[in-house]
């Protein structure tokens, strides 16, 4: 489910989608990603998506090629996540504020040669068919450990949280929301995206946060390595 549209499997997903390459931006199935769109090419992308199926692919530029030139056409990571525009508003100064609701992860099969100012790719969602099943794998997550390390992180940084909302959130929503909010770099975000299941993603998030709290070096092995 994404907004008023239900996606039950790969057959409900278009084979070609526009993509928004954005470093360290993470969208996960059933997550909510707010975006501030102002570049002309991406305004055109949003206009086209709103006229069509409202689907946009979020994908990171490859971060193992040195510095990334976002004004050009940087190489893309092989895995991203599709989202549907479920909210949008024009600001009056040329920008669009929108929310993408995550649907399913995808692998990039090929990038198309197009005349549009934005990039388009052919996607495969079959490898991530389990993403269409809400709450899959929740029972295997150590929710108590996740909440404990999250609380410790907030206290160490003098931050506050709406604990009632976090306590009431389904485990899948908790894991994915914290993964999307986590202040980590491109390699960590890509590793969280490509985690094989919810339990693995939660364990990775706990390990990353514990390292941050102790000041220990180290990061999860990049999917690009």
N, C-alpha and C. Protein backbone atom coordinates (compact mmCIF):
# COMPACT_ATOMS: atom_id res chain seq x y z
N UNK A 1 0.84 -1.19 0.00
CA UNK A 1 0.00 0.00 0.00
C UNK A 1 0.88 1.24 0.00
N UNK A 2 0.59 2.18 -0.89
CA UNK A 2 1.25 3.48 -0.89
C UNK A 2 0.19 4.52 -1.22
N UNK A 3 -0.27 5.21 -0.19
CA UNK A 3 -1.35 6.15 -0.40
C UNK A 3 -2.63 5.43 -0.76
N UNK A 4 -3.25 5.84 -1.85
CA UNK A 4 -4.51 5.24 -2.28
C UNK A 4 -4.31 4.09 -3.26
N UNK A 5 -3.06 3.64 -3.42
CA UNK A 5 -2.76 2.58 -4.39
C UNK A 5 -2.16 1.39 -3.66
N UNK A 6 -2.62 0.19 -4.01
CA UNK A 6 -2.08 -1.03 -3.43
C UNK A 6 -1.18 -1.73 -4.44
N UNK A 7 0.02 -2.09 -4.00
CA UNK A 7 0.97 -2.81 -4.83
C UNK A 7 1.16 -4.19 -4.22
N UNK A 8 0.73 -5.22 -4.94
CA UNK A 8 0.74 -6.58 -4.39
C UNK A 8 1.96 -7.40 -4.83
N UNK A 9 2.64 -6.97 -5.89
CA UNK A 9 3.78 -7.73 -6.37
C UNK A 9 4.45 -7.05 -7.55
N UNK A 10 5.51 -7.64 -8.07
CA UNK A 10 6.26 -7.03 -9.17
C UNK A 10 5.41 -6.67 -10.39
N UNK A 11 4.35 -7.42 -10.64
CA UNK A 11 3.51 -7.13 -11.82
C UNK A 11 2.79 -5.80 -11.71
N UNK A 12 2.69 -5.24 -10.51
CA UNK A 12 2.02 -3.95 -10.31
C UNK A 12 2.97 -2.77 -10.50
N UNK A 13 4.23 -3.05 -10.77
CA UNK A 13 5.26 -2.02 -10.85
C UNK A 13 5.66 -1.77 -12.30
N UNK A 14 5.76 -0.50 -12.73
CA UNK A 14 6.22 -0.24 -14.11
C UNK A 14 7.65 -0.70 -14.30
N UNK A 15 7.99 -1.09 -15.52
CA UNK A 15 9.32 -1.60 -15.79
C UNK A 15 10.35 -0.48 -15.94
N UNK A 16 9.88 0.71 -16.32
CA UNK A 16 10.77 1.86 -16.49
C UNK A 16 10.31 2.97 -15.56
N UNK A 17 11.26 3.55 -14.80
CA UNK A 17 10.93 4.60 -13.85
C UNK A 17 11.96 5.72 -13.92
N UNK A 18 11.55 6.95 -13.60
CA UNK A 18 12.53 8.03 -13.44
C UNK A 18 13.27 7.84 -12.12
N UNK A 19 14.52 8.27 -12.06
CA UNK A 19 15.28 8.12 -10.83
C UNK A 19 15.83 9.46 -10.36
N UNK A 20 15.93 9.57 -9.05
CA UNK A 20 16.46 10.76 -8.40
C UNK A 20 17.72 10.33 -7.65
N UNK A 21 18.91 10.57 -8.22
CA UNK A 21 20.15 10.19 -7.53
C UNK A 21 20.46 11.19 -6.41
N UNK A 22 20.54 10.70 -5.19
CA UNK A 22 20.75 11.59 -4.05
C UNK A 22 21.61 10.89 -3.01
N UNK A 23 22.81 11.42 -2.73
CA UNK A 23 23.70 10.76 -1.77
C UNK A 23 23.11 10.72 -0.36
N UNK A 24 23.32 9.60 0.32
CA UNK A 24 22.95 9.41 1.73
C UNK A 24 21.45 9.53 1.98
N UNK A 25 20.64 9.50 0.93
CA UNK A 25 19.18 9.51 1.10
C UNK A 25 18.69 8.08 1.07
N UNK A 26 17.92 7.70 2.07
CA UNK A 26 17.44 6.32 2.17
C UNK A 26 15.93 6.28 2.23
N UNK A 27 15.34 5.55 1.31
CA UNK A 27 13.91 5.24 1.33
C UNK A 27 13.77 3.73 1.45
N UNK A 28 12.86 3.29 2.32
CA UNK A 28 12.60 1.87 2.52
C UNK A 28 11.11 1.60 2.35
N UNK A 29 10.73 0.37 2.05
CA UNK A 29 9.31 0.05 1.87
C UNK A 29 8.47 0.50 3.05
N UNK A 30 7.38 1.21 2.72
CA UNK A 30 6.44 1.76 3.69
C UNK A 30 7.01 2.88 4.54
N UNK A 31 8.21 3.34 4.20
CA UNK A 31 8.77 4.52 4.84
C UNK A 31 8.29 5.78 4.16
N UNK A 32 8.49 6.91 4.81
CA UNK A 32 8.06 8.21 4.28
C UNK A 32 9.28 9.11 4.14
N UNK A 33 9.58 9.57 2.93
CA UNK A 33 10.74 10.41 2.67
C UNK A 33 10.29 11.78 2.15
N UNK A 34 10.48 12.85 2.93
CA UNK A 34 10.16 14.20 2.44
C UNK A 34 11.27 14.71 1.54
N UNK A 35 10.90 15.39 0.47
CA UNK A 35 11.88 15.93 -0.47
C UNK A 35 11.52 17.36 -0.84
N UNK A 36 12.56 18.17 -1.04
CA UNK A 36 12.42 19.55 -1.48
C UNK A 36 12.99 19.62 -2.89
N UNK A 37 12.13 19.72 -3.89
CA UNK A 37 12.55 19.66 -5.29
C UNK A 37 12.64 21.07 -5.86
N UNK A 38 13.82 21.41 -6.40
CA UNK A 38 13.98 22.77 -6.94
C UNK A 38 14.75 22.81 -8.26
N UNK A 39 15.55 21.78 -8.56
CA UNK A 39 16.28 21.78 -9.83
C UNK A 39 15.30 21.57 -10.98
N UNK A 40 15.47 22.31 -12.09
CA UNK A 40 14.53 22.18 -13.22
C UNK A 40 14.36 20.76 -13.72
N UNK A 41 15.43 19.97 -13.80
CA UNK A 41 15.30 18.61 -14.33
C UNK A 41 14.45 17.74 -13.40
N UNK A 42 14.53 17.98 -12.10
CA UNK A 42 13.76 17.16 -11.17
C UNK A 42 12.34 17.70 -10.99
N UNK A 43 12.16 18.99 -11.22
CA UNK A 43 10.79 19.52 -11.29
C UNK A 43 10.07 18.89 -12.48
N UNK A 44 10.78 18.75 -13.60
CA UNK A 44 10.20 18.10 -14.78
C UNK A 44 9.89 16.63 -14.47
N UNK A 45 10.77 15.99 -13.72
CA UNK A 45 10.55 14.59 -13.33
C UNK A 45 9.28 14.46 -12.49
N UNK A 46 9.11 15.35 -11.52
CA UNK A 46 7.93 15.29 -10.66
C UNK A 46 6.67 15.57 -11.46
N UNK A 47 6.72 16.56 -12.35
CA UNK A 47 5.55 16.85 -13.19
C UNK A 47 5.15 15.62 -14.00
N UNK A 48 6.14 14.93 -14.58
CA UNK A 48 5.85 13.75 -15.38
C UNK A 48 5.29 12.63 -14.50
N UNK A 49 5.85 12.46 -13.32
CA UNK A 49 5.37 11.41 -12.41
C UNK A 49 3.93 11.68 -11.99
N UNK A 50 3.61 12.94 -11.74
CA UNK A 50 2.24 13.29 -11.32
C UNK A 50 1.24 13.07 -12.46
N UNK A 51 1.70 13.17 -13.68
CA UNK A 51 0.81 12.91 -14.82
C UNK A 51 0.67 11.42 -15.08
N UNK A 52 1.55 10.62 -14.48
CA UNK A 52 1.54 9.18 -14.72
C UNK A 52 1.19 8.40 -13.47
N UNK A 53 2.07 7.46 -13.10
CA UNK A 53 1.78 6.56 -11.97
C UNK A 53 2.32 7.06 -10.64
N UNK A 54 2.95 8.24 -10.64
CA UNK A 54 3.47 8.89 -9.42
C UNK A 54 4.65 8.16 -8.80
N UNK A 55 5.29 7.28 -9.54
CA UNK A 55 6.41 6.51 -8.99
C UNK A 55 7.75 7.13 -9.39
N UNK A 56 8.65 7.24 -8.40
CA UNK A 56 10.01 7.74 -8.59
C UNK A 56 10.96 6.77 -7.89
N UNK A 57 12.09 6.51 -8.51
CA UNK A 57 13.09 5.66 -7.89
C UNK A 57 14.16 6.48 -7.18
N UNK A 58 14.36 6.23 -5.90
CA UNK A 58 15.45 6.85 -5.15
C UNK A 58 16.65 5.92 -5.21
N UNK A 59 17.79 6.47 -5.62
CA UNK A 59 19.00 5.65 -5.73
C UNK A 59 20.20 6.56 -5.46
N UNK A 60 21.21 6.01 -4.83
CA UNK A 60 22.40 6.80 -4.55
C UNK A 60 23.36 6.76 -5.74
N UNK A 61 24.08 7.86 -5.98
CA UNK A 61 25.22 7.78 -6.90
C UNK A 61 26.27 6.86 -6.27
N UNK A 62 27.01 6.16 -7.10
CA UNK A 62 28.08 5.31 -6.55
C UNK A 62 29.07 6.17 -5.79
N UNK A 63 29.45 5.70 -4.62
CA UNK A 63 30.32 6.49 -3.74
C UNK A 63 31.72 5.90 -3.67
N UNK A 64 32.03 4.94 -4.55
CA UNK A 64 33.37 4.35 -4.56
C UNK A 64 34.19 4.85 -5.73
N UNK A 65 33.71 5.93 -6.36
CA UNK A 65 34.42 6.50 -7.51
C UNK A 65 35.03 7.86 -7.17
N UNK A 66 35.28 8.13 -5.90
CA UNK A 66 35.78 9.44 -5.51
C UNK A 66 34.64 10.43 -5.37
N UNK A 67 34.93 11.70 -5.60
CA UNK A 67 33.91 12.74 -5.46
C UNK A 67 32.83 12.55 -6.51
N UNK A 68 31.59 12.92 -6.13
CA UNK A 68 30.43 12.73 -7.00
C UNK A 68 29.99 14.08 -7.57
N UNK A 69 29.91 14.18 -8.89
CA UNK A 69 29.43 15.39 -9.56
C UNK A 69 27.95 15.23 -9.85
N UNK A 70 27.12 15.81 -8.98
CA UNK A 70 25.68 15.65 -9.13
C UNK A 70 25.12 16.47 -10.28
N UNK A 71 25.91 17.39 -10.82
CA UNK A 71 25.42 18.18 -11.96
C UNK A 71 25.47 17.38 -13.25
N UNK A 72 26.22 16.31 -13.25
CA UNK A 72 26.35 15.48 -14.45
C UNK A 72 25.50 14.23 -14.34
N UNK A 73 26.08 13.10 -14.78
CA UNK A 73 25.38 11.81 -14.75
C UNK A 73 26.27 10.79 -14.03
N UNK A 74 26.36 10.92 -12.70
CA UNK A 74 27.21 9.99 -11.97
C UNK A 74 26.70 8.57 -12.08
N UNK A 75 27.62 7.61 -12.01
CA UNK A 75 27.23 6.20 -12.00
C UNK A 75 26.32 5.95 -10.80
N UNK A 76 25.39 5.02 -10.96
CA UNK A 76 24.39 4.76 -9.93
C UNK A 76 24.68 3.46 -9.18
N UNK A 77 24.29 3.43 -7.92
CA UNK A 77 24.32 2.17 -7.19
C UNK A 77 23.37 1.18 -7.87
N UNK A 78 23.59 -0.08 -7.64
CA UNK A 78 22.79 -1.10 -8.33
C UNK A 78 21.42 -1.30 -7.71
N UNK A 79 21.23 -0.86 -6.45
CA UNK A 79 19.96 -1.08 -5.76
C UNK A 79 19.43 0.25 -5.22
N UNK A 80 18.14 0.46 -5.42
CA UNK A 80 17.46 1.64 -4.89
C UNK A 80 16.09 1.23 -4.37
N UNK A 81 15.22 2.21 -4.14
CA UNK A 81 13.87 1.92 -3.65
C UNK A 81 12.87 2.81 -4.38
N UNK A 82 11.79 2.20 -4.83
CA UNK A 82 10.72 2.95 -5.49
C UNK A 82 9.79 3.56 -4.46
N UNK A 83 9.34 4.77 -4.76
CA UNK A 83 8.37 5.42 -3.89
C UNK A 83 7.27 6.06 -4.72
N UNK A 84 6.11 6.20 -4.13
CA UNK A 84 4.98 6.85 -4.79
C UNK A 84 4.75 8.21 -4.15
N UNK A 85 4.54 9.22 -4.97
CA UNK A 85 4.23 10.55 -4.44
C UNK A 85 2.86 10.50 -3.79
N UNK A 86 2.83 10.67 -2.48
CA UNK A 86 1.56 10.62 -1.75
C UNK A 86 1.14 11.98 -1.21
N UNK A 87 2.08 12.93 -1.20
CA UNK A 87 1.75 14.31 -0.84
C UNK A 87 2.64 15.23 -1.66
N UNK A 88 2.09 16.36 -2.06
CA UNK A 88 2.94 17.37 -2.71
C UNK A 88 2.29 18.73 -2.57
N UNK A 89 3.14 19.75 -2.59
CA UNK A 89 2.65 21.13 -2.49
C UNK A 89 3.62 22.04 -3.23
N UNK A 90 3.06 22.98 -3.99
CA UNK A 90 3.88 23.99 -4.65
C UNK A 90 4.08 25.15 -3.68
N UNK A 91 5.31 25.66 -3.63
CA UNK A 91 5.64 26.68 -2.64
C UNK A 91 5.39 28.10 -3.11
N UNK A 92 5.25 28.30 -4.41
CA UNK A 92 5.06 29.65 -4.93
C UNK A 92 6.36 30.30 -5.36
N UNK A 93 7.50 29.70 -4.98
CA UNK A 93 8.80 30.24 -5.40
C UNK A 93 9.54 29.27 -6.32
N UNK A 94 8.78 28.38 -6.95
CA UNK A 94 9.37 27.47 -7.93
C UNK A 94 9.74 26.11 -7.40
N UNK A 95 9.53 25.87 -6.12
CA UNK A 95 9.88 24.56 -5.54
C UNK A 95 8.63 23.70 -5.37
N UNK A 96 8.85 22.40 -5.22
CA UNK A 96 7.78 21.47 -4.87
C UNK A 96 8.22 20.68 -3.65
N UNK A 97 7.39 20.67 -2.63
CA UNK A 97 7.62 19.86 -1.45
C UNK A 97 6.78 18.60 -1.59
N UNK A 98 7.39 17.45 -1.46
CA UNK A 98 6.63 16.22 -1.64
C UNK A 98 7.06 15.16 -0.64
N UNK A 99 6.23 14.16 -0.51
CA UNK A 99 6.54 12.98 0.30
C UNK A 99 6.45 11.75 -0.57
N UNK A 100 7.52 10.95 -0.54
CA UNK A 100 7.52 9.66 -1.22
C UNK A 100 7.23 8.58 -0.20
N UNK A 101 6.29 7.71 -0.51
CA UNK A 101 5.99 6.55 0.33
C UNK A 101 6.62 5.33 -0.32
N UNK A 102 7.50 4.66 0.42
CA UNK A 102 8.25 3.54 -0.13
C UNK A 102 7.38 2.36 -0.50
N UNK A 103 7.71 1.74 -1.63
CA UNK A 103 6.94 0.59 -2.13
C UNK A 103 7.79 -0.68 -2.07
N UNK A 104 8.89 -0.69 -2.82
CA UNK A 104 9.70 -1.90 -2.95
C UNK A 104 11.09 -1.50 -3.42
N UNK A 105 12.09 -2.26 -3.00
CA UNK A 105 13.44 -2.04 -3.51
C UNK A 105 13.53 -2.55 -4.96
N UNK A 106 14.53 -2.07 -5.66
CA UNK A 106 14.71 -2.49 -7.05
C UNK A 106 16.19 -2.58 -7.36
N UNK A 107 16.50 -3.38 -8.36
CA UNK A 107 17.84 -3.38 -8.93
C UNK A 107 17.76 -2.72 -10.31
N UNK A 108 18.81 -2.01 -10.65
CA UNK A 108 18.86 -1.31 -11.94
C UNK A 108 19.30 -2.30 -13.01
N UNK A 109 18.40 -2.58 -13.96
CA UNK A 109 18.74 -3.49 -15.05
C UNK A 109 19.54 -2.77 -16.13
N UNK A 110 19.12 -1.57 -16.47
CA UNK A 110 19.84 -0.75 -17.44
C UNK A 110 19.32 0.67 -17.38
N UNK A 111 20.18 1.61 -17.77
CA UNK A 111 19.74 2.99 -17.89
C UNK A 111 19.39 3.25 -19.34
N UNK A 112 18.26 3.92 -19.55
CA UNK A 112 17.79 4.18 -20.90
C UNK A 112 18.38 5.47 -21.45
N UNK A 113 18.54 5.51 -22.75
CA UNK A 113 18.94 6.73 -23.44
C UNK A 113 17.65 7.47 -23.79
N UNK A 114 17.43 8.63 -23.17
CA UNK A 114 16.18 9.36 -23.35
C UNK A 114 16.46 10.82 -23.67
N UNK A 115 15.41 11.52 -24.07
CA UNK A 115 15.52 12.96 -24.34
C UNK A 115 15.02 13.78 -23.15
N UNK A 116 14.55 13.12 -22.10
CA UNK A 116 14.08 13.85 -20.93
C UNK A 116 15.26 14.41 -20.15
N UNK A 117 15.08 15.52 -19.44
CA UNK A 117 16.18 16.09 -18.66
C UNK A 117 16.56 15.25 -17.45
N UNK A 118 15.67 14.37 -17.03
CA UNK A 118 15.93 13.49 -15.90
C UNK A 118 16.25 12.09 -16.42
N UNK A 119 16.85 11.28 -15.56
CA UNK A 119 17.30 9.94 -15.96
C UNK A 119 16.19 8.91 -15.73
N UNK A 120 16.19 7.90 -16.58
CA UNK A 120 15.21 6.82 -16.45
C UNK A 120 15.94 5.48 -16.55
N UNK A 121 15.45 4.52 -15.76
CA UNK A 121 16.09 3.20 -15.76
C UNK A 121 15.03 2.12 -15.86
N UNK A 122 15.46 0.98 -16.37
CA UNK A 122 14.64 -0.22 -16.35
C UNK A 122 14.95 -0.96 -15.05
N UNK A 123 13.90 -1.34 -14.32
CA UNK A 123 14.11 -1.90 -12.99
C UNK A 123 13.62 -3.35 -12.90
N UNK A 124 14.19 -4.06 -11.95
CA UNK A 124 13.73 -5.41 -11.60
C UNK A 124 13.40 -5.42 -10.12
N UNK A 125 12.17 -5.75 -9.78
CA UNK A 125 11.77 -5.82 -8.37
C UNK A 125 11.59 -7.25 -7.89
N UNK A 126 11.67 -8.22 -8.81
CA UNK A 126 11.49 -9.62 -8.42
C UNK A 126 12.44 -10.07 -7.31
N UNK A 127 13.72 -9.62 -7.30
CA UNK A 127 14.61 -10.06 -6.22
C UNK A 127 14.17 -9.57 -4.84
N UNK A 128 13.25 -8.61 -4.81
CA UNK A 128 12.82 -8.04 -3.53
C UNK A 128 11.32 -8.24 -3.32
N UNK A 129 10.78 -9.33 -3.87
CA UNK A 129 9.33 -9.56 -3.79
C UNK A 129 8.82 -9.60 -2.35
N UNK A 130 9.68 -9.97 -1.39
CA UNK A 130 9.25 -10.02 0.00
C UNK A 130 8.91 -8.64 0.55
N UNK A 131 9.42 -7.59 -0.12
CA UNK A 131 9.12 -6.23 0.33
C UNK A 131 7.62 -5.91 0.27
N UNK A 132 6.90 -6.64 -0.56
CA UNK A 132 5.47 -6.37 -0.70
C UNK A 132 4.66 -6.90 0.50
N UNK A 133 5.29 -7.65 1.38
CA UNK A 133 4.61 -8.24 2.53
C UNK A 133 4.85 -7.38 3.77
N UNK A 134 3.87 -6.60 4.20
CA UNK A 134 4.06 -5.74 5.38
C UNK A 134 4.39 -6.57 6.62
N UNK A 135 5.29 -6.03 7.43
CA UNK A 135 5.63 -6.60 8.75
C UNK A 135 6.34 -7.94 8.69
N UNK A 136 6.84 -8.31 7.53
CA UNK A 136 7.53 -9.59 7.41
C UNK A 136 8.81 -9.58 8.27
N UNK A 137 9.00 -10.61 9.07
CA UNK A 137 10.22 -10.75 9.87
C UNK A 137 10.24 -9.99 11.17
N UNK A 138 9.12 -9.40 11.57
CA UNK A 138 9.11 -8.59 12.80
C UNK A 138 9.44 -9.42 14.04
N UNK A 139 8.98 -10.67 14.08
CA UNK A 139 9.17 -11.50 15.27
C UNK A 139 10.64 -11.79 15.55
N UNK A 140 11.49 -11.72 14.52
CA UNK A 140 12.91 -12.03 14.70
C UNK A 140 13.73 -10.83 15.17
N UNK A 141 13.14 -9.65 15.18
CA UNK A 141 13.88 -8.43 15.56
C UNK A 141 13.96 -8.31 17.08
N UNK A 142 15.15 -7.97 17.58
CA UNK A 142 15.32 -7.69 19.01
C UNK A 142 14.93 -6.24 19.25
N UNK A 143 13.64 -6.03 19.39
CA UNK A 143 13.11 -4.67 19.52
C UNK A 143 13.65 -3.99 20.77
N UNK A 144 13.76 -4.75 21.86
CA UNK A 144 14.24 -4.18 23.12
C UNK A 144 15.66 -3.63 22.97
N UNK A 145 16.53 -4.38 22.28
CA UNK A 145 17.90 -3.94 22.08
C UNK A 145 17.94 -2.69 21.20
N UNK A 146 17.09 -2.65 20.18
CA UNK A 146 17.05 -1.50 19.29
C UNK A 146 16.60 -0.25 20.04
N UNK A 147 15.57 -0.37 20.85
CA UNK A 147 15.08 0.78 21.60
C UNK A 147 16.11 1.24 22.63
N UNK A 148 16.82 0.29 23.22
CA UNK A 148 17.82 0.63 24.22
C UNK A 148 18.96 1.45 23.62
N UNK A 149 19.47 1.01 22.47
CA UNK A 149 20.59 1.73 21.87
C UNK A 149 20.12 3.07 21.30
N UNK A 150 18.90 3.12 20.83
CA UNK A 150 18.34 4.39 20.32
C UNK A 150 18.20 5.39 21.46
N UNK A 151 17.72 4.93 22.59
CA UNK A 151 17.58 5.81 23.75
C UNK A 151 18.96 6.33 24.20
N UNK A 152 19.94 5.43 24.21
CA UNK A 152 21.29 5.82 24.62
C UNK A 152 21.87 6.87 23.66
N UNK A 153 21.59 6.70 22.37
CA UNK A 153 22.08 7.67 21.38
C UNK A 153 21.46 9.04 21.62
N UNK A 154 20.16 9.08 21.84
CA UNK A 154 19.50 10.36 22.06
C UNK A 154 20.01 11.03 23.33
N UNK A 155 20.17 10.26 24.38
CA UNK A 155 20.65 10.83 25.64
C UNK A 155 22.07 11.36 25.49
N UNK A 156 22.93 10.64 24.75
CA UNK A 156 24.31 11.07 24.56
C UNK A 156 24.39 12.37 23.76
N UNK A 157 23.39 12.62 22.94
CA UNK A 157 23.39 13.82 22.09
C UNK A 157 22.39 14.87 22.56
N UNK A 158 21.87 14.69 23.77
CA UNK A 158 20.91 15.64 24.35
C UNK A 158 19.71 15.91 23.43
N UNK A 159 19.19 14.82 22.88
CA UNK A 159 18.04 14.91 21.99
C UNK A 159 16.82 14.30 22.67
N UNK A 160 15.65 14.75 22.24
CA UNK A 160 14.41 14.23 22.79
C UNK A 160 13.63 13.50 21.70
N UNK A 161 12.70 12.65 22.12
CA UNK A 161 11.89 11.89 21.16
C UNK A 161 10.50 11.70 21.73
N UNK A 162 9.56 11.47 20.84
CA UNK A 162 8.19 11.15 21.25
C UNK A 162 8.15 9.65 21.53
N UNK A 163 8.48 9.28 22.77
CA UNK A 163 8.61 7.87 23.11
C UNK A 163 7.30 7.12 22.97
N UNK A 164 6.19 7.77 23.21
CA UNK A 164 4.90 7.10 23.07
C UNK A 164 4.70 6.63 21.63
N UNK A 165 5.07 7.48 20.67
CA UNK A 165 4.92 7.11 19.26
C UNK A 165 5.84 5.96 18.89
N UNK A 166 7.07 6.00 19.39
CA UNK A 166 8.01 4.92 19.08
C UNK A 166 7.56 3.61 19.72
N UNK A 167 7.05 3.69 20.96
CA UNK A 167 6.60 2.47 21.64
C UNK A 167 5.43 1.82 20.92
N UNK A 168 4.57 2.65 20.32
CA UNK A 168 3.36 2.14 19.67
C UNK A 168 3.60 1.73 18.22
N UNK A 169 4.73 2.13 17.65
CA UNK A 169 4.99 1.85 16.24
C UNK A 169 5.21 0.36 16.00
N UNK A 170 4.67 -0.18 14.91
CA UNK A 170 5.00 -1.56 14.54
C UNK A 170 6.50 -1.71 14.38
N UNK A 171 7.01 -2.91 14.61
CA UNK A 171 8.45 -3.13 14.59
C UNK A 171 9.07 -2.79 13.23
N UNK A 172 8.40 -3.18 12.14
CA UNK A 172 8.93 -2.86 10.82
C UNK A 172 9.06 -1.35 10.64
N UNK A 173 8.03 -0.62 11.03
CA UNK A 173 8.07 0.83 10.90
C UNK A 173 9.17 1.42 11.76
N UNK A 174 9.37 0.87 12.96
CA UNK A 174 10.40 1.36 13.86
C UNK A 174 11.79 1.17 13.25
N UNK A 175 12.07 -0.05 12.78
CA UNK A 175 13.38 -0.34 12.20
C UNK A 175 13.64 0.53 10.98
N UNK A 176 12.68 0.59 10.07
CA UNK A 176 12.90 1.32 8.83
C UNK A 176 12.94 2.82 9.04
N UNK A 177 12.12 3.34 9.93
CA UNK A 177 12.15 4.78 10.21
C UNK A 177 13.47 5.19 10.84
N UNK A 178 13.95 4.42 11.81
CA UNK A 178 15.23 4.74 12.44
C UNK A 178 16.38 4.61 11.44
N UNK A 179 16.30 3.63 10.55
CA UNK A 179 17.34 3.49 9.51
C UNK A 179 17.36 4.70 8.60
N UNK A 180 16.18 5.19 8.22
CA UNK A 180 16.11 6.34 7.33
C UNK A 180 16.57 7.62 8.02
N UNK A 181 16.30 7.74 9.32
CA UNK A 181 16.66 8.94 10.08
C UNK A 181 18.12 8.95 10.50
N UNK A 182 18.76 7.79 10.58
CA UNK A 182 20.10 7.69 11.13
C UNK A 182 21.10 8.57 10.38
N UNK A 183 21.95 9.29 11.11
CA UNK A 183 22.86 10.27 10.49
C UNK A 183 24.14 9.61 9.97
N UNK A 184 23.99 8.63 9.09
CA UNK A 184 25.16 7.92 8.57
C UNK A 184 25.40 8.28 7.11
N UNK A 185 26.56 7.91 6.63
CA UNK A 185 26.96 8.27 5.28
C UNK A 185 26.44 7.32 4.22
N UNK A 186 26.84 7.56 2.96
CA UNK A 186 26.33 6.76 1.85
C UNK A 186 26.57 5.27 1.98
N UNK A 187 27.75 4.85 2.42
CA UNK A 187 28.04 3.41 2.50
C UNK A 187 27.14 2.74 3.53
N UNK A 188 26.96 3.38 4.67
CA UNK A 188 26.11 2.82 5.71
C UNK A 188 24.65 2.77 5.25
N UNK A 189 24.20 3.85 4.61
CA UNK A 189 22.82 3.88 4.13
C UNK A 189 22.57 2.80 3.09
N UNK A 190 23.55 2.58 2.20
CA UNK A 190 23.36 1.56 1.18
C UNK A 190 23.35 0.17 1.80
N UNK A 191 24.19 -0.02 2.81
CA UNK A 191 24.20 -1.31 3.49
C UNK A 191 22.86 -1.58 4.19
N UNK A 192 22.29 -0.56 4.81
CA UNK A 192 20.98 -0.71 5.45
C UNK A 192 19.91 -1.02 4.41
N UNK A 193 19.98 -0.35 3.26
CA UNK A 193 19.02 -0.59 2.19
C UNK A 193 19.09 -2.04 1.71
N UNK A 194 20.31 -2.56 1.54
CA UNK A 194 20.47 -3.87 0.93
C UNK A 194 20.48 -5.00 1.95
N UNK A 195 20.18 -4.71 3.21
CA UNK A 195 20.09 -5.77 4.22
C UNK A 195 19.11 -6.84 3.75
N UNK A 196 19.46 -8.09 3.98
CA UNK A 196 18.68 -9.19 3.43
C UNK A 196 17.29 -9.32 4.05
N UNK A 197 17.13 -8.88 5.29
CA UNK A 197 15.82 -8.96 5.94
C UNK A 197 15.76 -7.95 7.07
N UNK A 198 14.61 -7.85 7.70
CA UNK A 198 14.40 -6.84 8.74
C UNK A 198 15.32 -7.08 9.94
N UNK A 199 15.50 -8.33 10.33
CA UNK A 199 16.37 -8.66 11.46
C UNK A 199 17.79 -8.20 11.19
N UNK A 200 18.30 -8.47 9.99
CA UNK A 200 19.65 -8.06 9.63
C UNK A 200 19.78 -6.55 9.64
N UNK A 201 18.77 -5.86 9.12
CA UNK A 201 18.81 -4.39 9.11
C UNK A 201 18.84 -3.85 10.54
N UNK A 202 18.03 -4.41 11.42
CA UNK A 202 18.00 -3.96 12.81
C UNK A 202 19.35 -4.20 13.49
N UNK A 203 19.94 -5.37 13.26
CA UNK A 203 21.23 -5.68 13.87
C UNK A 203 22.32 -4.75 13.36
N UNK A 204 22.26 -4.43 12.07
CA UNK A 204 23.23 -3.51 11.49
C UNK A 204 23.08 -2.12 12.09
N UNK A 205 21.84 -1.68 12.26
CA UNK A 205 21.59 -0.37 12.83
C UNK A 205 22.07 -0.30 14.28
N UNK A 206 21.82 -1.36 15.04
CA UNK A 206 22.29 -1.40 16.42
C UNK A 206 23.82 -1.33 16.47
N UNK A 207 24.50 -2.10 15.62
CA UNK A 207 25.96 -2.12 15.60
C UNK A 207 26.53 -0.75 15.22
N UNK A 208 25.94 -0.11 14.21
CA UNK A 208 26.40 1.21 13.80
C UNK A 208 26.25 2.22 14.93
N UNK A 209 25.12 2.17 15.61
CA UNK A 209 24.85 3.13 16.68
C UNK A 209 25.77 2.88 17.87
N UNK A 210 26.01 1.63 18.19
CA UNK A 210 26.93 1.32 19.30
C UNK A 210 28.33 1.80 19.00
N UNK A 211 28.77 1.65 17.75
CA UNK A 211 30.09 2.16 17.38
C UNK A 211 30.16 3.68 17.50
N UNK A 212 29.07 4.33 17.11
CA UNK A 212 29.02 5.78 17.23
C UNK A 212 29.12 6.21 18.69
N UNK A 213 28.42 5.48 19.56
CA UNK A 213 28.41 5.83 20.99
C UNK A 213 29.78 5.62 21.63
N UNK A 214 30.50 4.59 21.22
CA UNK A 214 31.79 4.29 21.82
C UNK A 214 32.95 4.97 21.11
N UNK A 215 32.65 5.58 19.96
CA UNK A 215 33.70 6.24 19.20
C UNK A 215 34.61 5.28 18.48
N UNK A 216 34.17 4.03 18.34
CA UNK A 216 35.01 3.04 17.66
C UNK A 216 34.95 3.25 16.16
N UNK A 217 36.07 3.05 15.46
CA UNK A 217 36.05 3.11 13.99
C UNK A 217 35.36 1.88 13.45
N UNK A 218 35.06 1.95 12.19
CA UNK A 218 34.47 0.77 11.54
C UNK A 218 33.11 1.08 10.98
N UNK A 219 32.76 0.36 9.95
CA UNK A 219 31.46 0.52 9.30
C UNK A 219 31.12 -0.81 8.66
N UNK A 220 29.84 -1.02 8.34
CA UNK A 220 29.51 -2.27 7.65
C UNK A 220 30.16 -2.32 6.28
N UNK A 221 30.48 -3.50 5.84
CA UNK A 221 31.08 -3.65 4.52
C UNK A 221 30.14 -3.11 3.45
N UNK A 222 30.67 -2.24 2.60
CA UNK A 222 29.86 -1.63 1.56
C UNK A 222 29.39 -2.68 0.57
N UNK A 223 28.13 -2.62 0.11
CA UNK A 223 27.67 -3.53 -0.94
C UNK A 223 28.44 -3.37 -2.24
N UNK A 224 29.18 -2.26 -2.39
CA UNK A 224 29.91 -2.01 -3.61
C UNK A 224 31.32 -2.60 -3.55
N UNK A 225 31.72 -3.11 -2.39
CA UNK A 225 33.06 -3.64 -2.25
C UNK A 225 33.10 -5.14 -2.53
